[in-house]
Amino acid sequence: MVKQTGSVRTRCATVALLAGLLGACSQGPVPPASGGSPSARPTGNQADPNSVEPSVSTTASQSEPGTTLAAAPSDFGAILFDATGQAIYIFDVETTTEPRCYDACQHAWPPVLTHAAPQAGHGLKESLLGTTARADGTTQVTYGGHPLYFYAHEGKHEVKCHDVFLNGGNWYAIQPDGNRAP
């Protein structure tokens, strides 16, 4: 008979927890739309092209444009994406432009950040774009009055977490009119 130690149980529980978190929003990938990804400027971490967390340059020139977002087709209709093909989400507990997703929430849902005025790419309304200050001093992009986020465990053109409850609220992909996708 093999005796199971506490550390083995702990490792097994940790592995099970991580597998559950990574698969929490696993509707599967959405195939790229014909015509490729949105025509917009990349916002991902330039040092690591596989990074889903946006980078912000603190030494960027004021003449350099801010983060560009664009609309592209998905299984939920046209929704917002960044230039790398990362889907954009809103958090339903945020009823103003003030972000409420910090700490563990922010690790799963990195905010869409910018260093200058955000730009409206294909299919978006410039008048709906804005920004809001985060507690850490960074600037988060808003659209239709909603702070915007990525889901950290998605790849290019994946939309895994539309209409799911995580981190204390529901997450929705956002449409070009500023409303959540159906």
N, C-alpha and C. Protein backbone atom coordinates (compact mmCIF):
# COMPACT_ATOMS: atom_id res chain seq x y z
N MET A 1 0.84 -1.17 0.00
CA MET A 1 0.00 0.00 0.00
C MET A 1 0.89 1.24 0.00
N VAL A 2 0.57 2.24 -0.84
CA VAL A 2 1.33 3.48 -0.93
C VAL A 2 0.66 4.53 -0.07
N LYS A 3 1.45 5.14 0.78
CA LYS A 3 0.92 6.18 1.64
C LYS A 3 1.01 7.51 0.91
N GLN A 4 -0.10 8.25 0.86
CA GLN A 4 -0.13 9.55 0.17
C GLN A 4 0.23 10.63 1.18
N THR A 5 1.24 11.43 0.83
CA THR A 5 1.66 12.48 1.74
C THR A 5 0.89 13.76 1.46
N GLY A 6 0.94 14.68 2.42
CA GLY A 6 0.26 15.97 2.28
C GLY A 6 0.77 16.76 1.10
N SER A 7 2.09 16.69 0.83
CA SER A 7 2.63 17.49 -0.27
C SER A 7 2.16 16.96 -1.61
N VAL A 8 1.98 15.66 -1.75
CA VAL A 8 1.46 15.09 -2.99
C VAL A 8 0.02 15.55 -3.19
N ARG A 9 -0.78 15.48 -2.10
CA ARG A 9 -2.17 15.95 -2.19
C ARG A 9 -2.22 17.42 -2.56
N THR A 10 -1.35 18.21 -1.96
CA THR A 10 -1.32 19.64 -2.25
C THR A 10 -0.97 19.89 -3.70
N ARG A 11 0.04 19.17 -4.22
CA ARG A 11 0.40 19.33 -5.64
C ARG A 11 -0.74 18.93 -6.55
N CYS A 12 -1.42 17.84 -6.23
CA CYS A 12 -2.55 17.39 -7.05
C CYS A 12 -3.67 18.43 -7.02
N ALA A 13 -3.95 18.97 -5.85
CA ALA A 13 -5.00 19.99 -5.74
C ALA A 13 -4.61 21.23 -6.52
N THR A 14 -3.34 21.63 -6.47
CA THR A 14 -2.87 22.80 -7.20
C THR A 14 -3.00 22.59 -8.71
N VAL A 15 -2.60 21.42 -9.18
CA VAL A 15 -2.71 21.10 -10.60
C VAL A 15 -4.18 21.13 -11.02
N ALA A 16 -5.05 20.54 -10.22
CA ALA A 16 -6.48 20.53 -10.55
C ALA A 16 -7.05 21.94 -10.58
N LEU A 17 -6.65 22.78 -9.63
CA LEU A 17 -7.11 24.17 -9.59
C LEU A 17 -6.64 24.92 -10.82
N LEU A 18 -5.37 24.80 -11.17
CA LEU A 18 -4.84 25.49 -12.35
C LEU A 18 -5.52 25.01 -13.62
N ALA A 19 -5.74 23.72 -13.75
CA ALA A 19 -6.43 23.19 -14.94
C ALA A 19 -7.83 23.75 -15.02
N GLY A 20 -8.49 23.86 -13.90
CA GLY A 20 -9.84 24.42 -13.88
C GLY A 20 -9.86 25.88 -14.26
N LEU A 21 -8.90 26.66 -13.76
CA LEU A 21 -8.83 28.07 -14.10
C LEU A 21 -8.52 28.28 -15.57
N LEU A 22 -7.57 27.52 -16.10
CA LEU A 22 -7.19 27.69 -17.50
C LEU A 22 -8.31 27.27 -18.43
N GLY A 23 -9.12 26.32 -18.02
CA GLY A 23 -10.21 25.87 -18.86
C GLY A 23 -11.53 26.53 -18.52
N ALA A 24 -11.51 27.51 -17.63
CA ALA A 24 -12.74 28.14 -17.17
C ALA A 24 -13.57 28.71 -18.30
N CYS A 25 -12.94 29.27 -19.24
CA CYS A 25 -13.64 29.88 -20.38
C CYS A 25 -13.20 29.17 -21.63
N SER A 26 -13.66 27.95 -21.82
CA SER A 26 -13.13 27.17 -22.93
C SER A 26 -14.18 26.75 -23.93
N GLN A 27 -14.80 27.73 -24.55
CA GLN A 27 -15.73 27.43 -25.62
C GLN A 27 -14.97 27.01 -26.86
N GLY A 28 -13.66 27.20 -26.86
CA GLY A 28 -12.84 26.84 -28.01
C GLY A 28 -12.53 28.05 -28.85
N PRO A 29 -11.55 27.91 -29.73
CA PRO A 29 -11.15 29.04 -30.54
C PRO A 29 -12.17 29.37 -31.61
N VAL A 30 -12.23 30.63 -31.94
CA VAL A 30 -13.04 31.10 -33.04
C VAL A 30 -12.09 31.23 -34.22
N PRO A 31 -12.37 30.59 -35.33
CA PRO A 31 -11.45 30.67 -36.45
C PRO A 31 -11.32 32.09 -36.95
N PRO A 32 -10.13 32.46 -37.47
CA PRO A 32 -9.95 33.81 -37.97
C PRO A 32 -10.97 34.11 -39.06
N ALA A 33 -11.46 35.32 -39.05
CA ALA A 33 -12.41 35.75 -40.08
C ALA A 33 -11.68 35.89 -41.40
N SER A 34 -12.41 35.69 -42.49
CA SER A 34 -11.77 35.89 -43.78
C SER A 34 -11.36 37.33 -43.90
N GLY A 35 -10.22 37.56 -44.50
CA GLY A 35 -9.70 38.91 -44.59
C GLY A 35 -8.69 39.21 -43.51
N GLY A 36 -8.44 38.26 -42.61
CA GLY A 36 -7.38 38.43 -41.62
C GLY A 36 -7.83 39.16 -40.38
N SER A 37 -6.85 39.62 -39.63
CA SER A 37 -7.12 40.29 -38.37
C SER A 37 -7.45 41.75 -38.60
N PRO A 38 -7.96 42.42 -37.58
CA PRO A 38 -8.32 43.82 -37.71
C PRO A 38 -7.12 44.64 -38.14
N SER A 39 -7.38 45.67 -38.94
CA SER A 39 -6.29 46.54 -39.37
C SER A 39 -6.08 47.59 -38.29
N ALA A 40 -5.10 47.33 -37.42
CA ALA A 40 -4.83 48.21 -36.30
C ALA A 40 -3.39 48.05 -35.86
N ARG A 41 -2.93 48.93 -35.00
CA ARG A 41 -1.57 48.95 -34.51
C ARG A 41 -1.42 47.97 -33.36
N PRO A 42 -0.35 47.15 -33.34
CA PRO A 42 -0.17 46.18 -32.25
C PRO A 42 -0.08 46.84 -30.89
N THR A 43 -0.67 46.17 -29.87
CA THR A 43 -0.58 46.67 -28.50
C THR A 43 0.02 45.66 -27.56
N GLY A 44 0.33 44.46 -28.04
CA GLY A 44 0.89 43.44 -27.16
C GLY A 44 2.30 43.77 -26.74
N ASN A 45 2.84 43.01 -25.81
CA ASN A 45 4.19 43.21 -25.32
C ASN A 45 5.16 42.91 -26.45
N GLN A 46 5.88 43.93 -26.89
CA GLN A 46 6.77 43.78 -28.04
C GLN A 46 7.96 42.87 -27.75
N ALA A 47 8.35 42.74 -26.48
CA ALA A 47 9.45 41.85 -26.13
C ALA A 47 9.04 40.39 -26.24
N ASP A 48 7.77 40.11 -26.03
CA ASP A 48 7.25 38.75 -26.10
C ASP A 48 6.01 38.74 -26.97
N PRO A 49 6.12 38.37 -28.26
CA PRO A 49 4.96 38.43 -29.15
C PRO A 49 3.83 37.50 -28.74
N ASN A 50 4.08 36.55 -27.85
CA ASN A 50 3.02 35.65 -27.39
C ASN A 50 2.29 36.20 -26.17
N SER A 51 2.75 37.32 -25.65
CA SER A 51 2.14 37.90 -24.46
C SER A 51 0.75 38.44 -24.79
N VAL A 52 -0.20 38.20 -23.88
CA VAL A 52 -1.53 38.73 -24.04
C VAL A 52 -1.71 40.00 -23.23
N GLU A 53 -0.72 40.34 -22.43
CA GLU A 53 -0.80 41.54 -21.64
C GLU A 53 -0.22 42.70 -22.43
N PRO A 54 -0.97 43.80 -22.56
CA PRO A 54 -0.48 44.91 -23.34
C PRO A 54 0.71 45.57 -22.68
N SER A 55 1.53 46.20 -23.50
CA SER A 55 2.66 46.94 -22.94
C SER A 55 2.37 48.42 -23.05
N VAL A 56 2.93 49.18 -22.14
CA VAL A 56 2.77 50.61 -22.15
C VAL A 56 4.15 51.22 -22.02
N SER A 57 4.50 52.08 -22.93
CA SER A 57 5.79 52.74 -22.88
C SER A 57 5.65 54.04 -22.10
N THR A 58 6.49 54.20 -21.09
CA THR A 58 6.44 55.44 -20.32
C THR A 58 7.26 56.53 -20.98
N THR A 59 8.03 56.18 -22.02
CA THR A 59 8.83 57.18 -22.71
C THR A 59 8.33 57.42 -24.13
N ALA A 60 7.10 57.02 -24.41
CA ALA A 60 6.56 57.17 -25.76
C ALA A 60 6.39 58.64 -26.12
N SER A 61 6.57 58.91 -27.36
CA SER A 61 6.40 60.26 -27.88
C SER A 61 4.92 60.62 -27.87
N GLN A 62 4.61 61.87 -27.56
CA GLN A 62 3.22 62.31 -27.56
C GLN A 62 2.63 62.27 -28.95
N SER A 63 3.46 62.32 -30.00
CA SER A 63 2.94 62.27 -31.36
C SER A 63 2.62 60.84 -31.80
N GLU A 64 3.10 59.85 -31.06
CA GLU A 64 2.82 58.46 -31.38
C GLU A 64 1.37 58.15 -31.03
N PRO A 65 0.63 57.48 -31.94
CA PRO A 65 -0.77 57.19 -31.65
C PRO A 65 -0.94 56.20 -30.50
N GLY A 66 -2.09 56.27 -29.87
CA GLY A 66 -2.41 55.34 -28.79
C GLY A 66 -2.88 54.01 -29.33
N THR A 67 -3.32 53.16 -28.44
CA THR A 67 -3.82 51.83 -28.77
C THR A 67 -4.96 51.93 -29.77
N THR A 68 -4.90 51.09 -30.80
CA THR A 68 -5.96 51.05 -31.80
C THR A 68 -6.77 49.79 -31.64
N LEU A 69 -8.08 49.94 -31.66
CA LEU A 69 -9.00 48.83 -31.60
C LEU A 69 -9.82 48.81 -32.88
N ALA A 70 -10.32 47.65 -33.25
CA ALA A 70 -11.13 47.52 -34.46
C ALA A 70 -12.18 46.44 -34.26
N ALA A 71 -13.19 46.47 -35.10
CA ALA A 71 -14.24 45.44 -35.07
C ALA A 71 -13.88 44.34 -36.06
N ALA A 72 -14.22 43.12 -35.69
CA ALA A 72 -14.03 41.97 -36.57
C ALA A 72 -15.12 40.94 -36.25
N PRO A 73 -15.44 40.09 -37.20
CA PRO A 73 -16.48 39.08 -36.97
C PRO A 73 -16.05 38.03 -35.95
N SER A 74 -17.03 37.49 -35.24
CA SER A 74 -16.82 36.39 -34.30
C SER A 74 -18.09 35.55 -34.29
N ASP A 75 -18.11 34.49 -33.49
CA ASP A 75 -19.32 33.69 -33.32
C ASP A 75 -20.45 34.49 -32.67
N PHE A 76 -20.13 35.66 -32.10
CA PHE A 76 -21.11 36.49 -31.40
C PHE A 76 -21.42 37.77 -32.18
N GLY A 77 -21.12 37.76 -33.47
CA GLY A 77 -21.29 38.95 -34.30
C GLY A 77 -20.00 39.77 -34.27
N ALA A 78 -20.06 40.97 -34.80
CA ALA A 78 -18.89 41.85 -34.80
C ALA A 78 -18.60 42.30 -33.37
N ILE A 79 -17.35 42.13 -32.96
CA ILE A 79 -16.92 42.56 -31.62
C ILE A 79 -15.58 43.26 -31.74
N LEU A 80 -15.14 43.87 -30.63
CA LEU A 80 -13.87 44.58 -30.61
C LEU A 80 -12.70 43.63 -30.40
N PHE A 81 -11.62 43.91 -31.11
CA PHE A 81 -10.34 43.22 -30.99
C PHE A 81 -9.24 44.26 -30.98
N ASP A 82 -8.07 43.90 -30.45
CA ASP A 82 -6.91 44.77 -30.61
C ASP A 82 -6.19 44.35 -31.89
N ALA A 83 -5.08 44.98 -32.18
CA ALA A 83 -4.35 44.73 -33.42
C ALA A 83 -3.75 43.34 -33.50
N THR A 84 -3.56 42.68 -32.36
CA THR A 84 -2.99 41.34 -32.38
C THR A 84 -4.07 40.27 -32.54
N GLY A 85 -5.33 40.68 -32.60
CA GLY A 85 -6.43 39.73 -32.71
C GLY A 85 -6.97 39.29 -31.37
N GLN A 86 -6.61 39.98 -30.30
CA GLN A 86 -7.07 39.65 -28.95
C GLN A 86 -8.46 40.23 -28.74
N ALA A 87 -9.41 39.40 -28.32
CA ALA A 87 -10.78 39.85 -28.06
C ALA A 87 -10.82 40.80 -26.87
N ILE A 88 -11.77 41.72 -26.90
CA ILE A 88 -11.93 42.74 -25.86
C ILE A 88 -13.24 42.47 -25.11
N TYR A 89 -13.20 42.65 -23.78
CA TYR A 89 -14.35 42.37 -22.94
C TYR A 89 -14.69 43.56 -22.03
N ILE A 90 -15.93 43.56 -21.54
CA ILE A 90 -16.36 44.49 -20.49
C ILE A 90 -16.82 43.66 -19.29
N PHE A 91 -16.78 44.29 -18.11
CA PHE A 91 -17.11 43.66 -16.84
C PHE A 91 -18.41 44.28 -16.33
N ASP A 92 -19.47 43.50 -16.15
CA ASP A 92 -20.78 44.08 -15.86
C ASP A 92 -20.89 44.77 -14.50
N VAL A 93 -19.98 44.53 -13.57
CA VAL A 93 -20.06 45.20 -12.28
C VAL A 93 -19.56 46.64 -12.35
N GLU A 94 -18.94 46.98 -13.45
CA GLU A 94 -18.46 48.36 -13.64
C GLU A 94 -19.55 49.16 -14.35
N THR A 95 -20.24 49.98 -13.58
CA THR A 95 -21.35 50.77 -14.12
C THR A 95 -20.94 52.19 -14.46
N THR A 96 -19.68 52.53 -14.20
CA THR A 96 -19.11 53.82 -14.58
C THR A 96 -17.79 53.52 -15.28
N THR A 97 -17.03 54.56 -15.62
CA THR A 97 -15.72 54.35 -16.25
C THR A 97 -14.65 53.99 -15.22
N GLU A 98 -15.00 53.96 -13.93
CA GLU A 98 -14.01 53.62 -12.90
C GLU A 98 -13.76 52.12 -12.88
N PRO A 99 -12.50 51.70 -13.14
CA PRO A 99 -12.18 50.27 -13.11
C PRO A 99 -12.32 49.68 -11.71
N ARG A 100 -12.82 48.45 -11.65
CA ARG A 100 -12.95 47.74 -10.37
C ARG A 100 -12.24 46.39 -10.41
N CYS A 101 -11.56 46.09 -11.50
CA CYS A 101 -10.87 44.82 -11.66
C CYS A 101 -9.39 45.01 -11.35
N TYR A 102 -8.99 44.58 -10.15
CA TYR A 102 -7.61 44.69 -9.69
C TYR A 102 -7.17 43.36 -9.07
N ASP A 103 -5.90 43.27 -8.74
CA ASP A 103 -5.32 42.10 -8.06
C ASP A 103 -5.56 40.82 -8.86
N ALA A 104 -6.17 39.79 -8.24
CA ALA A 104 -6.37 38.51 -8.94
C ALA A 104 -7.23 38.69 -10.18
N CYS A 105 -8.21 39.56 -10.11
CA CYS A 105 -9.06 39.83 -11.27
C CYS A 105 -8.22 40.36 -12.43
N GLN A 106 -7.36 41.30 -12.16
CA GLN A 106 -6.53 41.91 -13.20
C GLN A 106 -5.53 40.93 -13.80
N HIS A 107 -5.13 39.90 -13.06
CA HIS A 107 -4.22 38.89 -13.61
C HIS A 107 -4.95 38.03 -14.64
N ALA A 108 -6.21 37.73 -14.40
CA ALA A 108 -7.00 36.96 -15.37
C ALA A 108 -7.53 37.85 -16.48
N TRP A 109 -7.78 39.11 -16.16
CA TRP A 109 -8.38 40.06 -17.10
C TRP A 109 -7.51 41.31 -17.19
N PRO A 110 -6.39 41.27 -17.92
CA PRO A 110 -5.54 42.46 -18.03
C PRO A 110 -6.30 43.61 -18.70
N PRO A 111 -6.14 44.81 -18.16
CA PRO A 111 -6.81 45.96 -18.77
C PRO A 111 -6.20 46.29 -20.13
N VAL A 112 -7.00 46.85 -21.01
CA VAL A 112 -6.50 47.36 -22.29
C VAL A 112 -5.93 48.75 -21.97
N LEU A 113 -4.62 48.87 -22.08
CA LEU A 113 -3.93 50.10 -21.72
C LEU A 113 -3.50 50.89 -22.96
N THR A 114 -3.24 52.17 -22.76
CA THR A 114 -2.77 53.03 -23.84
C THR A 114 -1.83 54.08 -23.26
N HIS A 115 -0.98 54.64 -24.11
CA HIS A 115 -0.07 55.70 -23.69
C HIS A 115 -0.46 57.04 -24.31
N ALA A 116 -1.44 57.04 -25.19
CA ALA A 116 -1.94 58.25 -25.84
C ALA A 116 -3.42 58.03 -26.16
N ALA A 117 -4.05 58.99 -26.79
CA ALA A 117 -5.47 58.85 -27.12
C ALA A 117 -5.68 57.59 -27.96
N PRO A 118 -6.62 56.74 -27.56
CA PRO A 118 -6.88 55.52 -28.33
C PRO A 118 -7.43 55.86 -29.71
N GLN A 119 -7.22 54.95 -30.65
CA GLN A 119 -7.61 55.15 -32.04
C GLN A 119 -8.70 54.17 -32.44
N ALA A 120 -9.67 54.66 -33.21
CA ALA A 120 -10.75 53.81 -33.71
C ALA A 120 -10.33 53.22 -35.05
N GLY A 121 -10.18 51.91 -35.08
CA GLY A 121 -9.88 51.21 -36.32
C GLY A 121 -11.18 50.87 -37.04
N HIS A 122 -11.09 49.95 -37.96
CA HIS A 122 -12.21 49.52 -38.80
C HIS A 122 -13.47 49.23 -37.98
N GLY A 123 -14.57 49.88 -38.33
CA GLY A 123 -15.86 49.58 -37.74
C GLY A 123 -16.17 50.20 -36.40
N LEU A 124 -15.25 50.97 -35.82
CA LEU A 124 -15.50 51.57 -34.50
C LEU A 124 -15.81 53.06 -34.63
N LYS A 125 -16.50 53.58 -33.61
CA LYS A 125 -16.86 54.99 -33.56
C LYS A 125 -15.87 55.72 -32.65
N GLU A 126 -15.14 56.67 -33.21
CA GLU A 126 -14.17 57.45 -32.45
C GLU A 126 -14.83 58.10 -31.23
N SER A 127 -16.09 58.52 -31.38
CA SER A 127 -16.79 59.21 -30.29
C SER A 127 -17.04 58.31 -29.08
N LEU A 128 -17.00 56.99 -29.26
CA LEU A 128 -17.22 56.07 -28.14
C LEU A 128 -15.93 55.71 -27.40
N LEU A 129 -14.78 56.03 -28.00
CA LEU A 129 -13.49 55.73 -27.36
C LEU A 129 -13.15 56.76 -26.31
N GLY A 130 -12.54 56.32 -25.23
CA GLY A 130 -12.09 57.21 -24.18
C GLY A 130 -11.04 56.53 -23.34
N THR A 131 -10.70 57.15 -22.23
CA THR A 131 -9.73 56.57 -21.30
C THR A 131 -10.18 56.85 -19.87
N THR A 132 -9.60 56.09 -18.96
CA THR A 132 -9.83 56.28 -17.53
C THR A 132 -8.53 55.95 -16.81
N ALA A 133 -8.30 56.63 -15.70
CA ALA A 133 -7.09 56.39 -14.90
C ALA A 133 -7.29 55.19 -13.99
N ARG A 134 -6.26 54.33 -13.92
CA ARG A 134 -6.26 53.20 -13.00
C ARG A 134 -5.52 53.59 -11.73
N ALA A 135 -5.75 52.87 -10.66
CA ALA A 135 -5.13 53.16 -9.36
C ALA A 135 -3.61 53.14 -9.43
N ASP A 136 -3.03 52.35 -10.36
CA ASP A 136 -1.57 52.27 -10.47
C ASP A 136 -0.97 53.37 -11.35
N GLY A 137 -1.81 54.29 -11.83
CA GLY A 137 -1.33 55.40 -12.65
C GLY A 137 -1.35 55.13 -14.15
N THR A 138 -1.67 53.91 -14.57
CA THR A 138 -1.75 53.63 -16.00
C THR A 138 -3.08 54.14 -16.55
N THR A 139 -3.17 54.20 -17.86
CA THR A 139 -4.38 54.69 -18.53
C THR A 139 -5.06 53.54 -19.26
N GLN A 140 -6.31 53.29 -18.90
CA GLN A 140 -7.09 52.21 -19.49
C GLN A 140 -8.03 52.76 -20.55
N VAL A 141 -8.17 52.02 -21.64
CA VAL A 141 -9.07 52.40 -22.71
C VAL A 141 -10.51 52.07 -22.31
N THR A 142 -11.43 52.96 -22.67
CA THR A 142 -12.86 52.72 -22.48
C THR A 142 -13.55 52.78 -23.84
N TYR A 143 -14.70 52.15 -23.92
CA TYR A 143 -15.50 52.23 -25.14
C TYR A 143 -16.96 52.26 -24.71
N GLY A 144 -17.69 53.26 -25.14
CA GLY A 144 -19.08 53.40 -24.73
C GLY A 144 -19.22 53.55 -23.22
N GLY A 145 -18.20 54.11 -22.57
CA GLY A 145 -18.23 54.30 -21.12
C GLY A 145 -17.82 53.09 -20.30
N HIS A 146 -17.37 52.01 -20.96
CA HIS A 146 -16.97 50.79 -20.27
C HIS A 146 -15.45 50.63 -20.29
N PRO A 147 -14.79 50.41 -19.13
CA PRO A 147 -13.38 50.04 -19.15
C PRO A 147 -13.24 48.70 -19.90
N LEU A 148 -12.15 48.57 -20.66
CA LEU A 148 -11.96 47.39 -21.51
C LEU A 148 -10.87 46.47 -20.98
N TYR A 149 -11.06 45.16 -21.22
CA TYR A 149 -10.15 44.13 -20.73
C TYR A 149 -9.93 43.05 -21.79
N PHE A 150 -8.81 42.33 -21.62
CA PHE A 150 -8.54 41.11 -22.37
C PHE A 150 -8.79 39.94 -21.42
N TYR A 151 -8.92 38.72 -21.95
CA TYR A 151 -8.86 37.53 -21.10
C TYR A 151 -7.47 36.95 -21.29
N ALA A 152 -6.73 36.75 -20.22
CA ALA A 152 -5.31 36.39 -20.28
C ALA A 152 -5.03 35.02 -20.89
N HIS A 153 -6.03 34.15 -20.97
CA HIS A 153 -5.78 32.79 -21.43
C HIS A 153 -6.40 32.51 -22.80
N GLU A 154 -6.43 33.54 -23.63
CA GLU A 154 -6.93 33.39 -24.99
C GLU A 154 -5.82 33.70 -25.98
N GLY A 155 -5.90 33.07 -27.12
CA GLY A 155 -4.99 33.35 -28.22
C GLY A 155 -5.66 34.23 -29.25
N LYS A 156 -4.95 34.42 -30.32
CA LYS A 156 -5.42 35.25 -31.43
C LYS A 156 -6.77 34.73 -31.95
N HIS A 157 -7.73 35.63 -32.05
CA HIS A 157 -9.08 35.36 -32.57
C HIS A 157 -9.90 34.39 -31.72
N GLU A 158 -9.48 34.11 -30.50
CA GLU A 158 -10.28 33.27 -29.61
C GLU A 158 -11.23 34.16 -28.80
N VAL A 159 -12.45 33.67 -28.62
CA VAL A 159 -13.44 34.35 -27.80
C VAL A 159 -14.01 33.28 -26.88
N LYS A 160 -13.32 33.04 -25.76
CA LYS A 160 -13.68 31.96 -24.84
C LYS A 160 -14.57 32.39 -23.69
N CYS A 161 -14.56 33.66 -23.36
CA CYS A 161 -15.19 34.08 -22.11
C CYS A 161 -16.34 35.05 -22.27
N HIS A 162 -17.04 34.98 -23.39
CA HIS A 162 -18.23 35.82 -23.54
C HIS A 162 -19.36 35.24 -22.71
N ASP A 163 -20.02 36.10 -21.94
CA ASP A 163 -21.18 35.72 -21.15
C ASP A 163 -20.84 34.64 -20.11
N VAL A 164 -19.76 34.88 -19.36
CA VAL A 164 -19.39 33.99 -18.27
C VAL A 164 -19.27 34.78 -16.97
N PHE A 165 -19.45 34.10 -15.85
CA PHE A 165 -19.32 34.72 -14.54
C PHE A 165 -17.97 34.30 -13.95
N LEU A 166 -17.07 35.26 -13.80
CA LEU A 166 -15.76 35.05 -13.19
C LEU A 166 -15.35 36.30 -12.44
N ASN A 167 -14.58 36.14 -11.39
CA ASN A 167 -14.05 37.25 -10.61
C ASN A 167 -15.13 38.21 -10.12
N GLY A 168 -16.28 37.67 -9.76
CA GLY A 168 -17.32 38.48 -9.13
C GLY A 168 -18.31 39.14 -10.06
N GLY A 169 -18.28 38.84 -11.34
CA GLY A 169 -19.23 39.45 -12.26
C GLY A 169 -19.24 38.75 -13.61
N ASN A 170 -20.11 39.22 -14.47
CA ASN A 170 -20.20 38.66 -15.82
C ASN A 170 -19.31 39.45 -16.78
N TRP A 171 -18.74 38.71 -17.71
CA TRP A 171 -17.85 39.29 -18.73
C TRP A 171 -18.50 39.11 -20.10
N TYR A 172 -18.43 40.16 -20.88
CA TYR A 172 -19.07 40.13 -22.20
C TYR A 172 -18.13 40.72 -23.25
N ALA A 173 -18.15 40.11 -24.43
CA ALA A 173 -17.50 40.73 -25.58
C ALA A 173 -18.34 41.98 -25.90
N ILE A 174 -17.70 42.98 -26.47
CA ILE A 174 -18.39 44.25 -26.73
C ILE A 174 -18.50 44.51 -28.23
N GLN A 175 -19.66 44.98 -28.63
CA GLN A 175 -19.95 45.26 -30.04
C GLN A 175 -19.52 46.67 -30.42
N PRO A 176 -19.41 46.94 -31.72
CA PRO A 176 -19.02 48.28 -32.18
C PRO A 176 -19.97 49.39 -31.76
N ASP A 177 -21.22 49.08 -31.39
CA ASP A 177 -22.15 50.11 -30.94
C ASP A 177 -21.97 50.43 -29.45
N GLY A 178 -21.04 49.74 -28.77
CA GLY A 178 -20.76 49.99 -27.36
C GLY A 178 -21.55 49.11 -26.40
N ASN A 179 -22.42 48.25 -26.93
CA ASN A 179 -23.20 47.33 -26.09
C ASN A 179 -22.55 45.96 -26.06
N ARG A 180 -22.91 45.19 -25.03
CA ARG A 180 -22.38 43.83 -24.95
C ARG A 180 -22.97 42.98 -26.07
N ALA A 181 -22.20 42.01 -26.50
CA ALA A 181 -22.66 41.10 -27.55
C ALA A 181 -23.77 40.23 -27.01
N PRO A 182 -24.70 39.77 -27.89
CA PRO A 182 -25.80 38.93 -27.43
C PRO A 182 -25.32 37.55 -27.02
